[in-house]
């Protein structure tokens, strides 16, 4: 999990100064990876992130865990 977070979200480069903010961002990144892994499209995590960026329908599918 750490390698995925570091490569896709560049987590090691994140320089949050407040401990609470860092914990919250870490939790959000792990949650996002879980949602992207559960999406049935055969693609990398990075590829799924780009699909969500380009198409709001795919983003909705990932967030609701349903095929539209």
C-alpha atoms as a PDB file:
ATOM      1  CA  UNK A   1       0.000   0.000   0.000  1.00  0.00           C
ATOM      2  CA  UNK A   2       2.803   2.438   0.818  1.00  0.00           C
ATOM      3  CA  UNK A   3       4.412   1.961  -2.596  1.00  0.00           C
ATOM      4  CA  UNK A   4       1.089   2.646  -4.356  1.00  0.00           C
ATOM      5  CA  UNK A   5       0.524   5.777  -2.298  1.00  0.00           C
ATOM      6  CA  UNK A   6       4.055   6.994  -2.946  1.00  0.00           C
ATOM      7  CA  UNK A   7       3.995   6.365  -6.687  1.00  0.00           C
ATOM      8  CA  UNK A   8       0.460   7.493  -7.536  1.00  0.00           C
ATOM      9  CA  UNK A   9      -0.084  10.261  -4.996  1.00  0.00           C
ATOM     10  CA  UNK A  10       3.591  11.166  -4.364  1.00  0.00           C
ATOM     11  CA  UNK A  11       2.863  10.912  -0.656  1.00  0.00           C
ATOM     12  CA  UNK A  12       6.518  11.151   0.393  1.00  0.00           C
ATOM     13  CA  UNK A  13       6.787  14.555  -1.308  1.00  0.00           C
ATOM     14  CA  UNK A  14       3.852  15.911   0.694  1.00  0.00           C
ATOM     15  CA  UNK A  15       5.127  18.380   3.267  1.00  0.00           C
ATOM     16  CA  UNK A  16       2.188  19.004   5.553  1.00  0.00           C
ATOM     17  CA  UNK A  17       3.281  20.708   8.727  1.00  0.00           C
ATOM     18  CA  UNK A  18       0.330  19.898  10.955  1.00  0.00           C
ATOM     19  CA  UNK A  19       0.030  16.334  12.222  1.00  0.00           C
ATOM     20  CA  UNK A  20      -3.780  16.277  12.048  1.00  0.00           C
ATOM     21  CA  UNK A  21      -3.788  17.486   8.445  1.00  0.00           C
ATOM     22  CA  UNK A  22      -1.230  14.850   7.477  1.00  0.00           C
ATOM     23  CA  UNK A  23      -3.296  12.105   9.076  1.00  0.00           C
ATOM     24  CA  UNK A  24      -6.455  13.294   7.328  1.00  0.00           C
ATOM     25  CA  UNK A  25      -4.755  13.471   3.931  1.00  0.00           C
ATOM     26  CA  UNK A  26      -3.263  10.021   4.433  1.00  0.00           C
ATOM     27  CA  UNK A  27      -6.684   8.606   5.257  1.00  0.00           C
ATOM     28  CA  UNK A  28      -8.209  10.250   2.144  1.00  0.00           C
ATOM     29  CA  UNK A  29      -5.472   8.846  -0.099  1.00  0.00           C
ATOM     30  CA  UNK A  30      -5.945   5.314   1.262  1.00  0.00           C
ATOM     31  CA  UNK A  31      -9.712   5.641   0.808  1.00  0.00           C
ATOM     32  CA  UNK A  32      -9.232   6.823  -2.795  1.00  0.00           C
ATOM     33  CA  UNK A  33      -6.942   3.865  -3.574  1.00  0.00           C
ATOM     34  CA  UNK A  34      -9.546   1.478  -2.148  1.00  0.00           C
ATOM     35  CA  UNK A  35     -12.319   2.983  -4.287  1.00  0.00           C
ATOM     36  CA  UNK A  36     -10.167   2.879  -7.415  1.00  0.00           C
ATOM     37  CA  UNK A  37      -9.172  -0.760  -6.807  1.00  0.00           C
ATOM     38  CA  UNK A  38     -12.821  -1.764  -6.450  1.00  0.00           C
ATOM     39  CA  UNK A  39     -13.770  -0.261  -9.826  1.00  0.00           C
ATOM     40  CA  UNK A  40     -14.108  -3.114 -12.358  1.00  0.00           C
ATOM     41  CA  UNK A  41     -12.261  -1.471 -15.287  1.00  0.00           C
ATOM     42  CA  UNK A  42      -8.966  -3.236 -16.019  1.00  0.00           C
ATOM     43  CA  UNK A  43      -6.447  -0.401 -15.745  1.00  0.00           C
ATOM     44  CA  UNK A  44      -3.754   0.832 -13.385  1.00  0.00           C
ATOM     45  CA  UNK A  45      -4.589   3.012 -10.402  1.00  0.00           C
ATOM     46  CA  UNK A  46      -2.988   5.956 -12.191  1.00  0.00           C
ATOM     47  CA  UNK A  47      -4.991   5.205 -15.336  1.00  0.00           C
ATOM     48  CA  UNK A  48      -8.219   5.104 -13.356  1.00  0.00           C
ATOM     49  CA  UNK A  49      -7.337   8.428 -11.728  1.00  0.00           C
ATOM     50  CA  UNK A  50      -6.837   9.998 -15.154  1.00  0.00           C
ATOM     51  CA  UNK A  51     -10.141   8.521 -16.385  1.00  0.00           C
ATOM     52  CA  UNK A  52     -11.907  10.110 -13.400  1.00  0.00           C
ATOM     53  CA  UNK A  53     -10.228  13.423 -14.175  1.00  0.00           C
ATOM     54  CA  UNK A  54     -11.348  13.390 -17.809  1.00  0.00           C
ATOM     55  CA  UNK A  55     -14.875  12.009 -17.432  1.00  0.00           C
ATOM     56  CA  UNK A  56     -17.304  12.854 -14.639  1.00  0.00           C
ATOM     57  CA  UNK A  57     -19.400   9.769 -15.441  1.00  0.00           C
ATOM     58  CA  UNK A  58     -16.426   7.530 -14.582  1.00  0.00           C
ATOM     59  CA  UNK A  59     -15.828   9.578 -11.425  1.00  0.00           C
ATOM     60  CA  UNK A  60     -19.444   9.022 -10.404  1.00  0.00           C
ATOM     61  CA  UNK A  61     -19.083   5.287 -11.080  1.00  0.00           C
ATOM     62  CA  UNK A  62     -15.982   5.088  -8.886  1.00  0.00           C
ATOM     63  CA  UNK A  63     -17.542   7.076  -6.048  1.00  0.00           C
ATOM     64  CA  UNK A  64     -20.861   5.179  -6.053  1.00  0.00           C
ATOM     65  CA  UNK A  65     -19.339   1.768  -6.926  1.00  0.00           C
ATOM     66  CA  UNK A  66     -21.978   1.248  -9.649  1.00  0.00           C
ATOM     67  CA  UNK A  67     -21.796   0.875 -13.407  1.00  0.00           C
ATOM     68  CA  UNK A  68     -23.882   3.594 -15.091  1.00  0.00           C
END
